[in-house]
PDB file of N, CA and C in Angstrom:
ATOM      1  N   MET A   1      -5.247  13.456  13.961  1.00  0.00           N
ATOM      2  CA  MET A   1      -5.689  14.571  13.162  1.00  0.00           C
ATOM      3  C   MET A   1      -6.996  14.187  12.489  1.00  0.00           C
ATOM      4  N   GLU A   2      -7.887  15.109  12.459  1.00  0.00           N
ATOM      5  CA  GLU A   2      -9.156  14.886  11.770  1.00  0.00           C
ATOM      6  C   GLU A   2      -9.238  15.876  10.616  1.00  0.00           C
ATOM      7  N   ILE A   3      -9.611  15.375   9.452  1.00  0.00           N
ATOM      8  CA  ILE A   3      -9.725  16.199   8.252  1.00  0.00           C
ATOM      9  C   ILE A   3     -11.132  16.049   7.705  1.00  0.00           C
ATOM     10  N   THR A   4     -11.744  17.165   7.356  1.00  0.00           N
ATOM     11  CA  THR A   4     -13.069  17.147   6.755  1.00  0.00           C
ATOM     12  C   THR A   4     -12.944  17.629   5.321  1.00  0.00           C
ATOM     13  N   VAL A   5     -13.517  16.863   4.404  1.00  0.00           N
ATOM     14  CA  VAL A   5     -13.456  17.199   2.989  1.00  0.00           C
ATOM     15  C   VAL A   5     -14.877  17.219   2.443  1.00  0.00           C
ATOM     16  N   THR A   6     -15.191  18.254   1.691  1.00  0.00           N
ATOM     17  CA  THR A   6     -16.501  18.342   1.061  1.00  0.00           C
ATOM     18  C   THR A   6     -16.340  18.026  -0.423  1.00  0.00           C
ATOM     19  N   ILE A   7     -17.088  17.018  -0.871  1.00  0.00           N
ATOM     20  CA  ILE A   7     -17.051  16.620  -2.283  1.00  0.00           C
ATOM     21  C   ILE A   7     -18.452  16.802  -2.843  1.00  0.00           C
ATOM     22  N   PRO A   8     -18.600  17.591  -3.889  1.00  0.00           N
ATOM     23  CA  PRO A   8     -19.920  17.761  -4.492  1.00  0.00           C
ATOM     24  C   PRO A   8     -20.492  16.392  -4.914  1.00  0.00           C
ATOM     25  N   ASP A   9     -21.793  16.216  -4.719  1.00  0.00           N
ATOM     26  CA  ASP A   9     -22.446  14.929  -4.998  1.00  0.00           C
ATOM     27  C   ASP A   9     -22.155  14.407  -6.400  1.00  0.00           C
ATOM     28  N   GLU A  10     -22.118  15.295  -7.379  1.00  0.00           N
ATOM     29  CA  GLU A  10     -21.892  14.844  -8.749  1.00  0.00           C
ATOM     30  C   GLU A  10     -20.540  14.157  -8.913  1.00  0.00           C
ATOM     31  N   PHE A  11     -19.540  14.562  -8.121  1.00  0.00           N
ATOM     32  CA  PHE A  11     -18.224  13.937  -8.180  1.00  0.00           C
ATOM     33  C   PHE A  11     -18.098  12.790  -7.188  1.00  0.00           C
ATOM     34  N   ALA A  12     -18.743  12.911  -6.058  1.00  0.00           N
ATOM     35  CA  ALA A  12     -18.676  11.865  -5.033  1.00  0.00           C
ATOM     36  C   ALA A  12     -19.142  10.531  -5.594  1.00  0.00           C
ATOM     37  N   ARG A  13     -20.173  10.545  -6.412  1.00  0.00           N
ATOM     38  CA  ARG A  13     -20.674   9.295  -7.012  1.00  0.00           C
ATOM     39  C   ARG A  13     -19.633   8.655  -7.925  1.00  0.00           C
ATOM     40  N   GLN A  14     -18.789   9.465  -8.517  1.00  0.00           N
ATOM     41  CA  GLN A  14     -17.741   8.949  -9.407  1.00  0.00           C
ATOM     42  C   GLN A  14     -16.488   8.525  -8.635  1.00  0.00           C
ATOM     43  N   ILE A  15     -16.212   9.208  -7.539  1.00  0.00           N
ATOM     44  CA  ILE A  15     -14.978   8.973  -6.786  1.00  0.00           C
ATOM     45  C   ILE A  15     -15.119   7.853  -5.762  1.00  0.00           C
ATOM     46  N   LEU A  16     -16.237   7.838  -5.071  1.00  0.00           N
ATOM     47  CA  LEU A  16     -16.419   6.906  -3.957  1.00  0.00           C
ATOM     48  C   LEU A  16     -17.170   5.653  -4.384  1.00  0.00           C
ATOM     49  N   THR A  17     -16.814   4.544  -3.765  1.00  0.00           N
ATOM     50  CA  THR A  17     -17.457   3.267  -4.042  1.00  0.00           C
ATOM     51  C   THR A  17     -18.727   3.157  -3.208  1.00  0.00           C
ATOM     52  N   GLU A  18     -19.827   2.884  -3.850  1.00  0.00           N
ATOM     53  CA  GLU A  18     -21.109   2.772  -3.155  1.00  0.00           C
ATOM     54  C   GLU A  18     -21.061   1.625  -2.150  1.00  0.00           C
ATOM     55  N   GLY A  19     -21.584   1.881  -0.952  1.00  0.00           N
ATOM     56  CA  GLY A  19     -21.637   0.865   0.077  1.00  0.00           C
ATOM     57  C   GLY A  19     -20.363   0.745   0.905  1.00  0.00           C
ATOM     58  N   VAL A  20     -19.357   1.564   0.600  1.00  0.00           N
ATOM     59  CA  VAL A  20     -18.100   1.543   1.341  1.00  0.00           C
ATOM     60  C   VAL A  20     -18.028   2.812   2.183  1.00  0.00           C
ATOM     61  N   ASP A  21     -17.508   2.692   3.403  1.00  0.00           N
ATOM     62  CA  ASP A  21     -17.345   3.840   4.289  1.00  0.00           C
ATOM     63  C   ASP A  21     -16.428   4.868   3.616  1.00  0.00           C
ATOM     64  N   ALA A  22     -16.964   6.039   3.334  1.00  0.00           N
ATOM     65  CA  ALA A  22     -16.217   7.067   2.600  1.00  0.00           C
ATOM     66  C   ALA A  22     -14.960   7.497   3.352  1.00  0.00           C
ATOM     67  N   SER A  23     -15.036   7.613   4.660  1.00  0.00           N
ATOM     68  CA  SER A  23     -13.869   8.014   5.448  1.00  0.00           C
ATOM     69  C   SER A  23     -12.759   6.980   5.338  1.00  0.00           C
ATOM     70  N   ARG A  24     -13.144   5.715   5.431  1.00  0.00           N
ATOM     71  CA  ARG A  24     -12.152   4.635   5.333  1.00  0.00           C
ATOM     72  C   ARG A  24     -11.528   4.610   3.932  1.00  0.00           C
ATOM     73  N   GLN A  25     -12.361   4.775   2.922  1.00  0.00           N
ATOM     74  CA  GLN A  25     -11.854   4.766   1.555  1.00  0.00           C
ATOM     75  C   GLN A  25     -10.885   5.924   1.341  1.00  0.00           C
ATOM     76  N   ALA A  26     -11.210   7.093   1.864  1.00  0.00           N
ATOM     77  CA  ALA A  26     -10.323   8.252   1.725  1.00  0.00           C
ATOM     78  C   ALA A  26      -8.998   8.003   2.447  1.00  0.00           C
ATOM     79  N   LEU A  27      -9.058   7.441   3.662  1.00  0.00           N
ATOM     80  CA  LEU A  27      -7.846   7.140   4.408  1.00  0.00           C
ATOM     81  C   LEU A  27      -6.976   6.147   3.642  1.00  0.00           C
ATOM     82  N   GLU A  28      -7.580   5.091   3.124  1.00  0.00           N
ATOM     83  CA  GLU A  28      -6.831   4.099   2.367  1.00  0.00           C
ATOM     84  C   GLU A  28      -6.174   4.711   1.139  1.00  0.00           C
ATOM     85  N   ASN A  29      -6.918   5.537   0.423  1.00  0.00           N
ATOM     86  CA  ASN A  29      -6.376   6.166  -0.789  1.00  0.00           C
ATOM     87  C   ASN A  29      -5.201   7.083  -0.476  1.00  0.00           C
ATOM     88  N   ILE A  30      -5.324   7.873   0.576  1.00  0.00           N
ATOM     89  CA  ILE A  30      -4.238   8.777   0.975  1.00  0.00           C
ATOM     90  C   ILE A  30      -3.019   7.965   1.418  1.00  0.00           C
ATOM     91  N   ALA A  31      -3.255   6.933   2.211  1.00  0.00           N
ATOM     92  CA  ALA A  31      -2.161   6.113   2.731  1.00  0.00           C
ATOM     93  C   ALA A  31      -1.451   5.355   1.604  1.00  0.00           C
ATOM     94  N   ILE A  32      -2.211   4.818   0.673  1.00  0.00           N
ATOM     95  CA  ILE A  32      -1.612   4.097  -0.457  1.00  0.00           C
ATOM     96  C   ILE A  32      -0.746   5.043  -1.287  1.00  0.00           C
ATOM     97  N   GLU A  33      -1.223   6.237  -1.507  1.00  0.00           N
ATOM     98  CA  GLU A  33      -0.430   7.205  -2.288  1.00  0.00           C
ATOM     99  C   GLU A  33       0.852   7.563  -1.549  1.00  0.00           C
ATOM    100  N   ALA A  34       0.783   7.732  -0.225  1.00  0.00           N
ATOM    101  CA  ALA A  34       1.981   8.016   0.566  1.00  0.00           C
ATOM    102  C   ALA A  34       2.960   6.842   0.491  1.00  0.00           C
ATOM    103  N   TYR A  35       2.445   5.624   0.480  1.00  0.00           N
ATOM    104  CA  TYR A  35       3.291   4.431   0.344  1.00  0.00           C
ATOM    105  C   TYR A  35       3.968   4.407  -1.030  1.00  0.00           C
ATOM    106  N   ARG A  36       3.198   4.691  -2.064  1.00  0.00           N
ATOM    107  CA  ARG A  36       3.766   4.723  -3.424  1.00  0.00           C
ATOM    108  C   ARG A  36       4.887   5.748  -3.549  1.00  0.00           C
ATOM    109  N   GLU A  37       4.719   6.857  -2.842  1.00  0.00           N
ATOM    110  CA  GLU A  37       5.709   7.939  -2.900  1.00  0.00           C
ATOM    111  C   GLU A  37       6.823   7.759  -1.868  1.00  0.00           C
ATOM    112  N   HIS A  38       6.854   6.603  -1.205  1.00  0.00           N
ATOM    113  CA  HIS A  38       7.876   6.256  -0.214  1.00  0.00           C
ATOM    114  C   HIS A  38       7.871   7.201   0.987  1.00  0.00           C
ATOM    115  N   ARG A  39       6.705   7.759   1.307  1.00  0.00           N
ATOM    116  CA  ARG A  39       6.568   8.574   2.510  1.00  0.00           C
ATOM    117  C   ARG A  39       6.111   7.728   3.693  1.00  0.00           C
ATOM    118  N   LEU A  40       5.606   6.522   3.429  1.00  0.00           N
ATOM    119  CA  LEU A  40       5.260   5.540   4.454  1.00  0.00           C
ATOM    120  C   LEU A  40       5.931   4.225   4.093  1.00  0.00           C
ATOM    121  N   THR A  41       6.408   3.522   5.108  1.00  0.00           N
ATOM    122  CA  THR A  41       6.923   2.178   4.877  1.00  0.00           C
ATOM    123  C   THR A  41       5.748   1.196   4.863  1.00  0.00           C
ATOM    124  N   GLY A  42       6.027  -0.021   4.433  1.00  0.00           N
ATOM    125  CA  GLY A  42       4.991  -1.043   4.467  1.00  0.00           C
ATOM    126  C   GLY A  42       4.487  -1.272   5.879  1.00  0.00           C
ATOM    127  N   PHE A  43       5.404  -1.288   6.844  1.00  0.00           N
ATOM    128  CA  PHE A  43       5.014  -1.495   8.239  1.00  0.00           C
ATOM    129  C   PHE A  43       4.123  -0.351   8.731  1.00  0.00           C
ATOM    130  N   GLN A  44       4.495   0.881   8.401  1.00  0.00           N
ATOM    131  CA  GLN A  44       3.683   2.033   8.804  1.00  0.00           C
ATOM    132  C   GLN A  44       2.288   1.965   8.177  1.00  0.00           C
ATOM    133  N   LEU A  45       2.228   1.589   6.912  1.00  0.00           N
ATOM    134  CA  LEU A  45       0.947   1.460   6.227  1.00  0.00           C
ATOM    135  C   LEU A  45       0.092   0.391   6.900  1.00  0.00           C
ATOM    136  N   GLN A  46       0.714  -0.718   7.217  1.00  0.00           N
ATOM    137  CA  GLN A  46       0.022  -1.816   7.883  1.00  0.00           C
ATOM    138  C   GLN A  46      -0.554  -1.359   9.228  1.00  0.00           C
ATOM    139  N   CYS A  47       0.245  -0.642  10.003  1.00  0.00           N
ATOM    140  CA  CYS A  47      -0.217  -0.136  11.308  1.00  0.00           C
ATOM    141  C   CYS A  47      -1.334   0.887  11.149  1.00  0.00           C
ATOM    142  N   LEU A  48      -1.149   1.828  10.245  1.00  0.00           N
ATOM    143  CA  LEU A  48      -2.132   2.886  10.024  1.00  0.00           C
ATOM    144  C   LEU A  48      -3.499   2.325   9.655  1.00  0.00           C
ATOM    145  N   LEU A  49      -3.500   1.314   8.802  1.00  0.00           N
ATOM    146  CA  LEU A  49      -4.767   0.765   8.322  1.00  0.00           C
ATOM    147  C   LEU A  49      -5.271  -0.408   9.161  1.00  0.00           C
ATOM    148  N   GLY A  50      -4.507  -0.794  10.174  1.00  0.00           N
ATOM    149  CA  GLY A  50      -4.937  -1.872  11.054  1.00  0.00           C
ATOM    150  C   GLY A  50      -4.960  -3.232  10.361  1.00  0.00           C
ATOM    151  N   ILE A  51      -4.038  -3.437   9.451  1.00  0.00           N
ATOM    152  CA  ILE A  51      -3.964  -4.708   8.730  1.00  0.00           C
ATOM    153  C   ILE A  51      -3.084  -5.639   9.571  1.00  0.00           C
ATOM    154  N   PRO A  52      -3.613  -6.818   9.941  1.00  0.00           N
ATOM    155  CA  PRO A  52      -2.940  -7.665  10.929  1.00  0.00           C
ATOM    156  C   PRO A  52      -1.611  -8.306  10.515  1.00  0.00           C
ATOM    157  N   SER A  53      -1.386  -8.556   9.244  1.00  0.00           N
ATOM    158  CA  SER A  53      -0.152  -9.260   8.862  1.00  0.00           C
ATOM    159  C   SER A  53       0.424  -8.690   7.572  1.00  0.00           C
ATOM    160  N   ARG A  54       1.706  -8.957   7.360  1.00  0.00           N
ATOM    161  CA  ARG A  54       2.362  -8.519   6.132  1.00  0.00           C
ATOM    162  C   ARG A  54       1.721  -9.208   4.926  1.00  0.00           C
ATOM    163  N   HIS A  55       1.362 -10.461   5.107  1.00  0.00           N
ATOM    164  CA  HIS A  55       0.722 -11.216   4.023  1.00  0.00           C
ATOM    165  C   HIS A  55      -0.584 -10.535   3.596  1.00  0.00           C
ATOM    166  N   GLU A  56      -1.385 -10.129   4.570  1.00  0.00           N
ATOM    167  CA  GLU A  56      -2.644  -9.438   4.257  1.00  0.00           C
ATOM    168  C   GLU A  56      -2.387  -8.067   3.639  1.00  0.00           C
ATOM    169  N   LEU A  57      -1.325  -7.397   4.085  1.00  0.00           N
ATOM    170  CA  LEU A  57      -0.969  -6.108   3.479  1.00  0.00           C
ATOM    171  C   LEU A  57      -0.607  -6.302   2.016  1.00  0.00           C
ATOM    172  N   ASP A  58       0.167  -7.341   1.721  1.00  0.00           N
ATOM    173  CA  ASP A  58       0.534  -7.622   0.334  1.00  0.00           C
ATOM    174  C   ASP A  58      -0.713  -7.837  -0.526  1.00  0.00           C
ATOM    175  N   GLY A  59      -1.686  -8.582  -0.006  1.00  0.00           N
ATOM    176  CA  GLY A  59      -2.938  -8.802  -0.736  1.00  0.00           C
ATOM    177  C   GLY A  59      -3.721  -7.514  -0.923  1.00  0.00           C
ATOM    178  N   PHE A  60      -3.774  -6.703   0.123  1.00  0.00           N
ATOM    179  CA  PHE A  60      -4.453  -5.405   0.070  1.00  0.00           C
ATOM    180  C   PHE A  60      -3.844  -4.535  -1.029  1.00  0.00           C
ATOM    181  N   LEU A  61      -2.510  -4.471  -1.059  1.00  0.00           N
ATOM    182  CA  LEU A  61      -1.837  -3.651  -2.064  1.00  0.00           C
ATOM    183  C   LEU A  61      -2.031  -4.225  -3.465  1.00  0.00           C
ATOM    184  N   LYS A  62      -1.952  -5.523  -3.598  1.00  0.00           N
ATOM    185  CA  LYS A  62      -2.142  -6.160  -4.905  1.00  0.00           C
ATOM    186  C   LYS A  62      -3.542  -5.870  -5.443  1.00  0.00           C
ATOM    187  N   ASP A  63      -4.543  -5.950  -4.570  1.00  0.00           N
ATOM    188  CA  ASP A  63      -5.927  -5.671  -4.979  1.00  0.00           C
ATOM    189  C   ASP A  63      -6.088  -4.246  -5.490  1.00  0.00           C
ATOM    190  N   ARG A  64      -5.206  -3.360  -5.051  1.00  0.00           N
ATOM    191  CA  ARG A  64      -5.288  -1.954  -5.449  1.00  0.00           C
ATOM    192  C   ARG A  64      -4.245  -1.578  -6.500  1.00  0.00           C
ATOM    193  N   GLY A  65      -3.607  -2.587  -7.078  1.00  0.00           N
ATOM    194  CA  GLY A  65      -2.666  -2.341  -8.168  1.00  0.00           C
ATOM    195  C   GLY A  65      -1.331  -1.781  -7.739  1.00  0.00           C
ATOM    196  N   VAL A  66      -0.949  -2.017  -6.483  1.00  0.00           N
ATOM    197  CA  VAL A  66       0.343  -1.546  -5.986  1.00  0.00           C
ATOM    198  C   VAL A  66       1.216  -2.781  -5.800  1.00  0.00           C
ATOM    199  N   PHE A  67       2.292  -2.857  -6.572  1.00  0.00           N
ATOM    200  CA  PHE A  67       3.128  -4.046  -6.553  1.00  0.00           C
ATOM    201  C   PHE A  67       4.499  -3.738  -5.981  1.00  0.00           C
ATOM    202  N   LEU A  68       5.133  -4.755  -5.428  1.00  0.00           N
ATOM    203  CA  LEU A  68       6.463  -4.644  -4.856  1.00  0.00           C
ATOM    204  C   LEU A  68       7.449  -4.201  -5.924  1.00  0.00           C
ATOM    205  N   GLU A  69       8.259  -3.211  -5.596  1.00  0.00           N
ATOM    206  CA  GLU A  69       9.294  -2.762  -6.510  1.00  0.00           C
ATOM    207  C   GLU A  69      10.480  -3.695  -6.342  1.00  0.00           C
ATOM    208  N   TYR A  70      10.747  -4.494  -7.329  1.00  0.00           N
ATOM    209  CA  TYR A  70      11.804  -5.492  -7.257  1.00  0.00           C
ATOM    210  C   TYR A  70      12.531  -5.471  -8.589  1.00  0.00           C
ATOM    211  N   THR A  71      13.760  -4.984  -8.568  1.00  0.00           N
ATOM    212  CA  THR A  71      14.514  -4.787  -9.803  1.00  0.00           C
ATOM    213  C   THR A  71      15.420  -5.985 -10.095  1.00  0.00           C
ATOM    214  N   LEU A  72      15.983  -5.996 -11.269  1.00  0.00           N
ATOM    215  CA  LEU A  72      16.947  -7.018 -11.646  1.00  0.00           C
ATOM    216  C   LEU A  72      18.167  -6.956 -10.726  1.00  0.00           C
ATOM    217  N   ASP A  73      18.563  -5.758 -10.338  1.00  0.00           N
ATOM    218  CA  ASP A  73      19.681  -5.610  -9.402  1.00  0.00           C
ATOM    219  C   ASP A  73      19.347  -6.230  -8.040  1.00  0.00           C
ATOM    220  N   ASP A  74      18.093  -6.065  -7.582  1.00  0.00           N
ATOM    221  CA  ASP A  74      17.666  -6.701  -6.335  1.00  0.00           C
ATOM    222  C   ASP A  74      17.804  -8.219  -6.446  1.00  0.00           C
ATOM    223  N   PHE A  75      17.357  -8.764  -7.569  1.00  0.00           N
ATOM    224  CA  PHE A  75      17.427 -10.204  -7.808  1.00  0.00           C
ATOM    225  C   PHE A  75      18.877 -10.686  -7.784  1.00  0.00           C
ATOM    226  N   ARG A  76      19.738  -9.975  -8.471  1.00  0.00           N
ATOM    227  CA  ARG A  76      21.156 -10.353  -8.520  1.00  0.00           C
ATOM    228  C   ARG A  76      21.789 -10.282  -7.130  1.00  0.00           C
ATOM    229  N   SER A  77      21.472  -9.221  -6.395  1.00  0.00           N
ATOM    230  CA  SER A  77      22.017  -9.052  -5.050  1.00  0.00           C
ATOM    231  C   SER A  77      21.585 -10.196  -4.142  1.00  0.00           C
ATOM    232  N   GLU A  78      20.316 -10.566  -4.197  1.00  0.00           N
ATOM    233  CA  GLU A  78      19.829 -11.680  -3.389  1.00  0.00           C
ATOM    234  C   GLU A  78      20.491 -12.989  -3.803  1.00  0.00           C
ATOM    235  N   GLY A  79      20.757 -13.139  -5.089  1.00  0.00           N
ATOM    236  CA  GLY A  79      21.446 -14.330  -5.576  1.00  0.00           C
ATOM    237  C   GLY A  79      22.853 -14.434  -5.007  1.00  0.00           C
ATOM    238  N   GLU A  80      23.542 -13.304  -4.928  1.00  0.00           N
ATOM    239  CA  GLU A  80      24.894 -13.291  -4.361  1.00  0.00           C
ATOM    240  C   GLU A  80      24.866 -13.647  -2.875  1.00  0.00           C
ATOM    241  N   VAL A  81      23.898 -13.120  -2.158  1.00  0.00           N
ATOM    242  CA  VAL A  81      23.769 -13.420  -0.727  1.00  0.00           C
ATOM    243  C   VAL A  81      23.470 -14.903  -0.541  1.00  0.00           C
ATOM    244  N   THR A  82      22.565 -15.426  -1.331  1.00  0.00           N
ATOM    245  CA  THR A  82      22.210 -16.849  -1.255  1.00  0.00           C
ATOM    246  C   THR A  82      23.416 -17.729  -1.576  1.00  0.00           C
ATOM    247  N   LYS A  83      24.142 -17.345  -2.580  1.00  0.00           N
ATOM    248  CA  LYS A  83      25.336 -18.087  -2.988  1.00  0.00           C
ATOM    249  C   LYS A  83      26.355 -18.134  -1.845  1.00  0.00           C
ATOM    250  N   ALA A  84      26.550 -17.003  -1.204  1.00  0.00           N
ATOM    251  CA  ALA A  84      27.503 -16.930  -0.081  1.00  0.00           C
ATOM    252  C   ALA A  84      27.020 -17.788   1.094  1.00  0.00           C
ATOM    253  N   LEU A  85      25.736 -17.743   1.373  1.00  0.00           N
ATOM    254  CA  LEU A  85      25.185 -18.524   2.486  1.00  0.00           C
ATOM    255  C   LEU A  85      25.286 -20.028   2.233  1.00  0.00           C
ATOM    256  N   LEU A  86      25.119 -20.412   0.985  1.00  0.00           N
ATOM    257  CA  LEU A  86      25.187 -21.832   0.634  1.00  0.00           C
ATOM    258  C   LEU A  86      26.631 -22.305   0.427  1.00  0.00           C
ATOM    259  N   GLY A  87      27.558 -21.353   0.431  1.00  0.00           N
ATOM    260  CA  GLY A  87      28.960 -21.699   0.241  1.00  0.00           C
ATOM    261  C   GLY A  87      29.293 -22.153  -1.150  1.00  0.00           C
ATOM    262  N   SER A  88      28.520 -21.683  -2.121  1.00  0.00           N
ATOM    263  CA  SER A  88      28.738 -22.100  -3.522  1.00  0.00           C
ATOM    264  C   SER A  88      29.752 -21.224  -4.208  1.00  0.00           C
TER     265      SER A  88
END
């Protein structure tokens, strides 16, 4: 799908980063928002943006202020699994 968006110059200077491909920046912004809203998985985001590894995806997201959602319940659950695996 191809989408064309017209942004008035006065706003484009505020929205877009100078020296960065505007189309790529728009794609990244849309994809990141879809990821935040759980409409894309991490794997889908990685494929869409052509990011070669999960490690690089994590860095990409961190640079943009998107952090892994990891709750106390997640931590406890992983602890129980680890405990069972270790036979403790």
